[in-house]
Amino acid sequence: MALGKGTPVVFNTDQGSQFTGEGFTGLLQQHGVLISMDGKGRYGDNIFVERLWRTVKYEEVYLKAYSGGREAKAGIDAYFRFYNTERPHQALGYRTPAEVFNGDLAESIDEAKERRWLPGRELVDFGNTAGPSLNPAPMLS
């Protein structure tokens, strides 16, 4: 059971029947977990998370042919370190999330646009990809 590994403070979900039933909500309440449910028809509530996972899939997961769960976890962990500390984001004035989070606001957006970004590592190791296609079906079967 997932609650045996740790207890979240808040559990957020949509209003699907599997999440609104007494069996599920009662279990969360027994463990002191606050329940947060998106409003009915509020698909936009998760748009930022959905966009993040789209980026992770297209920039990391679909490009790698992981041999198993451990390799996938290591690859995705490394990608998130890269995403947060090295990959500039247009919406953040070409700064990294770590720079914004840590308050590194000294650089203006104009200065950031003038700075050229060169990746510190090769983003795609063509020796370990699923092939030229971005079709994940062969990897999932």
C-alpha atoms as a PDB file:
ATOM      1  CA  MET A   1       0.000   0.000   0.000  1.00  0.00           C
ATOM      2  CA  ALA A   2       1.362   3.420  -0.944  1.00  0.00           C
ATOM      3  CA  LEU A   3       0.478   5.001   2.412  1.00  0.00           C
ATOM      4  CA  GLY A   4       2.849   2.517   4.038  1.00  0.00           C
ATOM      5  CA  LYS A   5       5.789   4.296   2.362  1.00  0.00           C
ATOM      6  CA  GLY A   6       4.806   7.776   3.505  1.00  0.00           C
ATOM      7  CA  THR A   7       1.829   9.994   4.046  1.00  0.00           C
ATOM      8  CA  PRO A   8       1.234  13.055   1.884  1.00  0.00           C
ATOM      9  CA  VAL A   9      -0.147  16.210   3.430  1.00  0.00           C
ATOM     10  CA  VAL A  10      -2.573  16.792   0.549  1.00  0.00           C
ATOM     11  CA  PHE A  11      -3.882  14.464  -2.156  1.00  0.00           C
ATOM     12  CA  ASN A  12      -5.182  16.262  -5.255  1.00  0.00           C
ATOM     13  CA  THR A  13      -7.323  14.510  -7.820  1.00  0.00           C
ATOM     14  CA  ASP A  14     -10.134  14.991 -10.288  1.00  0.00           C
ATOM     15  CA  GLN A  15     -13.695  13.947  -9.532  1.00  0.00           C
ATOM     16  CA  GLY A  16     -13.539  10.506 -11.099  1.00  0.00           C
ATOM     17  CA  SER A  17     -15.661   7.903  -9.319  1.00  0.00           C
ATOM     18  CA  GLN A  18     -12.579   5.922  -8.278  1.00  0.00           C
ATOM     19  CA  PHE A  19     -11.424   8.957  -6.263  1.00  0.00           C
ATOM     20  CA  THR A  20     -14.761  10.084  -4.794  1.00  0.00           C
ATOM     21  CA  GLY A  21     -15.874   6.778  -3.314  1.00  0.00           C
ATOM     22  CA  GLU A  22     -15.950   6.314   0.454  1.00  0.00           C
ATOM     23  CA  GLY A  23     -13.399   3.495   0.292  1.00  0.00           C
ATOM     24  CA  PHE A  24     -10.776   5.812  -1.179  1.00  0.00           C
ATOM     25  CA  THR A  25     -11.582   9.092   0.578  1.00  0.00           C
ATOM     26  CA  GLY A  26     -12.140   7.333   3.910  1.00  0.00           C
ATOM     27  CA  LEU A  27      -8.700   5.731   3.746  1.00  0.00           C
ATOM     28  CA  LEU A  28      -7.066   9.103   3.098  1.00  0.00           C
ATOM     29  CA  GLN A  29      -8.990  10.701   5.967  1.00  0.00           C
ATOM     30  CA  GLN A  30      -7.994   7.866   8.332  1.00  0.00           C
ATOM     31  CA  HIS A  31      -4.369   8.779   7.662  1.00  0.00           C
ATOM     32  CA  GLY A  32      -4.954  12.520   8.153  1.00  0.00           C
ATOM     33  CA  VAL A  33      -4.509  13.368   4.475  1.00  0.00           C
ATOM     34  CA  LEU A  34      -6.285  16.494   3.245  1.00  0.00           C
ATOM     35  CA  ILE A  35      -8.260  15.927   0.059  1.00  0.00           C
ATOM     36  CA  SER A  36      -8.266  18.473  -2.749  1.00  0.00           C
ATOM     37  CA  MET A  37     -10.491  17.841  -5.749  1.00  0.00           C
ATOM     38  CA  ASP A  38     -10.533  19.776  -8.967  1.00  0.00           C
ATOM     39  CA  GLY A  39     -13.856  21.353  -9.856  1.00  0.00           C
ATOM     40  CA  LYS A  40     -16.120  19.513 -12.271  1.00  0.00           C
ATOM     41  CA  GLY A  41     -14.996  20.184 -15.830  1.00  0.00           C
ATOM     42  CA  ARG A  42     -11.820  21.941 -14.652  1.00  0.00           C
ATOM     43  CA  TYR A  43      -9.459  20.292 -17.139  1.00  0.00           C
ATOM     44  CA  GLY A  44      -7.313  23.436 -17.091  1.00  0.00           C
ATOM     45  CA  ASP A  45      -6.385  22.926 -13.433  1.00  0.00           C
ATOM     46  CA  ASN A  46      -3.681  20.481 -14.439  1.00  0.00           C
ATOM     47  CA  ILE A  47      -2.484  22.184 -17.594  1.00  0.00           C
ATOM     48  CA  PHE A  48       0.968  23.013 -16.209  1.00  0.00           C
ATOM     49  CA  VAL A  49       1.589  19.463 -15.019  1.00  0.00           C
ATOM     50  CA  GLU A  50       0.238  18.033 -18.275  1.00  0.00           C
ATOM     51  CA  ARG A  51       2.575  20.322 -20.238  1.00  0.00           C
ATOM     52  CA  LEU A  52       5.531  19.298 -18.062  1.00  0.00           C
ATOM     53  CA  TRP A  53       4.892  15.593 -18.673  1.00  0.00           C
ATOM     54  CA  ARG A  54       4.514  16.212 -22.412  1.00  0.00           C
ATOM     55  CA  THR A  55       7.956  17.846 -22.367  1.00  0.00           C
ATOM     56  CA  VAL A  56       9.458  14.979 -20.353  1.00  0.00           C
ATOM     57  CA  LYS A  57       8.031  12.418 -22.763  1.00  0.00           C
ATOM     58  CA  TYR A  58       9.196  14.166 -25.942  1.00  0.00           C
ATOM     59  CA  GLU A  59      12.610  15.301 -24.690  1.00  0.00           C
ATOM     60  CA  GLU A  60      13.541  12.191 -22.712  1.00  0.00           C
ATOM     61  CA  VAL A  61      11.295   9.138 -22.583  1.00  0.00           C
ATOM     62  CA  TYR A  62      10.458   8.699 -26.281  1.00  0.00           C
ATOM     63  CA  LEU A  63      14.110   9.178 -27.245  1.00  0.00           C
ATOM     64  CA  LYS A  64      15.480   6.439 -24.985  1.00  0.00           C
ATOM     65  CA  ALA A  65      15.101   2.703 -25.135  1.00  0.00           C
ATOM     66  CA  TYR A  66      15.114   1.943 -21.414  1.00  0.00           C
ATOM     67  CA  SER A  67      15.808  -1.661 -20.572  1.00  0.00           C
ATOM     68  CA  GLY A  68      13.674  -1.563 -17.448  1.00  0.00           C
ATOM     69  CA  GLY A  69      12.166   0.435 -14.636  1.00  0.00           C
ATOM     70  CA  ARG A  70      15.448   1.172 -12.834  1.00  0.00           C
ATOM     71  CA  GLU A  71      17.059   2.512 -15.993  1.00  0.00           C
ATOM     72  CA  ALA A  72      13.950   4.609 -16.717  1.00  0.00           C
ATOM     73  CA  LYS A  73      13.997   6.040 -13.177  1.00  0.00           C
ATOM     74  CA  ALA A  74      17.691   6.921 -13.456  1.00  0.00           C
ATOM     75  CA  GLY A  75      17.170   8.515 -16.875  1.00  0.00           C
ATOM     76  CA  ILE A  76      14.153  10.545 -15.788  1.00  0.00           C
ATOM     77  CA  ASP A  77      15.892  11.599 -12.546  1.00  0.00           C
ATOM     78  CA  ALA A  78      18.841  12.854 -14.608  1.00  0.00           C
ATOM     79  CA  TYR A  79      16.473  14.627 -16.992  1.00  0.00           C
ATOM     80  CA  PHE A  80      14.732  16.474 -14.141  1.00  0.00           C
ATOM     81  CA  ARG A  81      18.115  17.616 -12.781  1.00  0.00           C
ATOM     82  CA  PHE A  82      18.924  18.896 -16.278  1.00  0.00           C
ATOM     83  CA  TYR A  83      15.436  20.423 -16.694  1.00  0.00           C
ATOM     84  CA  ASN A  84      15.636  22.322 -13.407  1.00  0.00           C
ATOM     85  CA  THR A  85      19.287  23.390 -13.376  1.00  0.00           C
ATOM     86  CA  GLU A  86      20.556  23.585 -16.973  1.00  0.00           C
ATOM     87  CA  ARG A  87      17.663  23.896 -19.449  1.00  0.00           C
ATOM     88  CA  PRO A  88      16.650  27.534 -20.001  1.00  0.00           C
ATOM     89  CA  HIS A  89      12.925  28.223 -20.215  1.00  0.00           C
ATOM     90  CA  GLN A  90      11.535  30.882 -22.527  1.00  0.00           C
ATOM     91  CA  ALA A  91       8.676  31.629 -20.111  1.00  0.00           C
ATOM     92  CA  LEU A  92      11.253  32.339 -17.365  1.00  0.00           C
ATOM     93  CA  GLY A  93      13.247  34.831 -19.415  1.00  0.00           C
ATOM     94  CA  TYR A  94      15.642  32.101 -20.594  1.00  0.00           C
ATOM     95  CA  ARG A  95      16.572  31.261 -17.018  1.00  0.00           C
ATOM     96  CA  THR A  96      16.358  27.867 -15.366  1.00  0.00           C
ATOM     97  CA  PRO A  97      13.706  27.034 -12.765  1.00  0.00           C
ATOM     98  CA  ALA A  98      16.515  26.770 -10.181  1.00  0.00           C
ATOM     99  CA  GLU A  99      17.678  30.311 -10.949  1.00  0.00           C
ATOM    100  CA  VAL A 100      14.153  31.654 -10.550  1.00  0.00           C
ATOM    101  CA  PHE A 101      13.466  29.616  -7.406  1.00  0.00           C
ATOM    102  CA  ASN A 102      16.727  30.724  -5.803  1.00  0.00           C
ATOM    103  CA  GLY A 103      15.966  34.352  -6.572  1.00  0.00           C
ATOM    104  CA  ASP A 104      18.586  34.919  -9.266  1.00  0.00           C
ATOM    105  CA  LEU A 105      16.671  37.788 -10.839  1.00  0.00           C
ATOM    106  CA  ALA A 106      19.678  39.987 -11.560  1.00  0.00           C
ATOM    107  CA  GLU A 107      19.678  39.141 -15.250  1.00  0.00           C
ATOM    108  CA  SER A 108      17.076  40.925 -17.326  1.00  0.00           C
ATOM    109  CA  ILE A 109      15.079  39.206 -20.016  1.00  0.00           C
ATOM    110  CA  ASP A 110      16.972  41.198 -22.669  1.00  0.00           C
ATOM    111  CA  GLU A 111      20.298  40.031 -21.244  1.00  0.00           C
ATOM    112  CA  ALA A 112      19.038  36.457 -21.207  1.00  0.00           C
ATOM    113  CA  LYS A 113      17.983  36.625 -24.861  1.00  0.00           C
ATOM    114  CA  GLU A 114      21.459  37.828 -25.838  1.00  0.00           C
ATOM    115  CA  ARG A 115      23.091  34.909 -24.042  1.00  0.00           C
ATOM    116  CA  ARG A 116      23.427  31.900 -26.308  1.00  0.00           C
ATOM    117  CA  TRP A 117      22.682  28.540 -24.749  1.00  0.00           C
ATOM    118  CA  LEU A 118      24.869  25.616 -25.662  1.00  0.00           C
ATOM    119  CA  PRO A 119      23.944  22.343 -24.008  1.00  0.00           C
ATOM    120  CA  GLY A 120      26.614  20.992 -21.695  1.00  0.00           C
ATOM    121  CA  ARG A 121      25.862  17.451 -22.771  1.00  0.00           C
ATOM    122  CA  GLU A 122      24.538  15.664 -25.792  1.00  0.00           C
ATOM    123  CA  LEU A 123      20.767  15.555 -25.465  1.00  0.00           C
ATOM    124  CA  VAL A 124      20.300  12.458 -27.577  1.00  0.00           C
ATOM    125  CA  ASP A 125      22.563   9.448 -27.480  1.00  0.00           C
ATOM    126  CA  PHE A 126      21.715   7.915 -30.837  1.00  0.00           C
ATOM    127  CA  GLY A 127      23.349   4.666 -29.752  1.00  0.00           C
ATOM    128  CA  ASN A 128      20.609   4.205 -27.140  1.00  0.00           C
ATOM    129  CA  THR A 129      17.453   5.438 -28.833  1.00  0.00           C
ATOM    130  CA  ALA A 130      14.309   3.739 -29.963  1.00  0.00           C
ATOM    131  CA  GLY A 131      15.202   4.570 -33.556  1.00  0.00           C
ATOM    132  CA  PRO A 132      14.421   7.431 -35.871  1.00  0.00           C
ATOM    133  CA  SER A 133      10.709   7.236 -35.081  1.00  0.00           C
ATOM    134  CA  LEU A 134       9.191   8.862 -31.997  1.00  0.00           C
ATOM    135  CA  ASN A 135       6.597   6.089 -31.912  1.00  0.00           C
ATOM    136  CA  PRO A 136       6.783   4.610 -28.370  1.00  0.00           C
ATOM    137  CA  ALA A 137       4.773   1.475 -29.278  1.00  0.00           C
ATOM    138  CA  PRO A 138       7.829  -0.775 -29.882  1.00  0.00           C
ATOM    139  CA  MET A 139       9.215   0.192 -26.471  1.00  0.00           C
ATOM    140  CA  LEU A 140       5.923  -0.539 -24.719  1.00  0.00           C
ATOM    141  CA  SER A 141       5.295  -3.964 -26.190  1.00  0.00           C
END
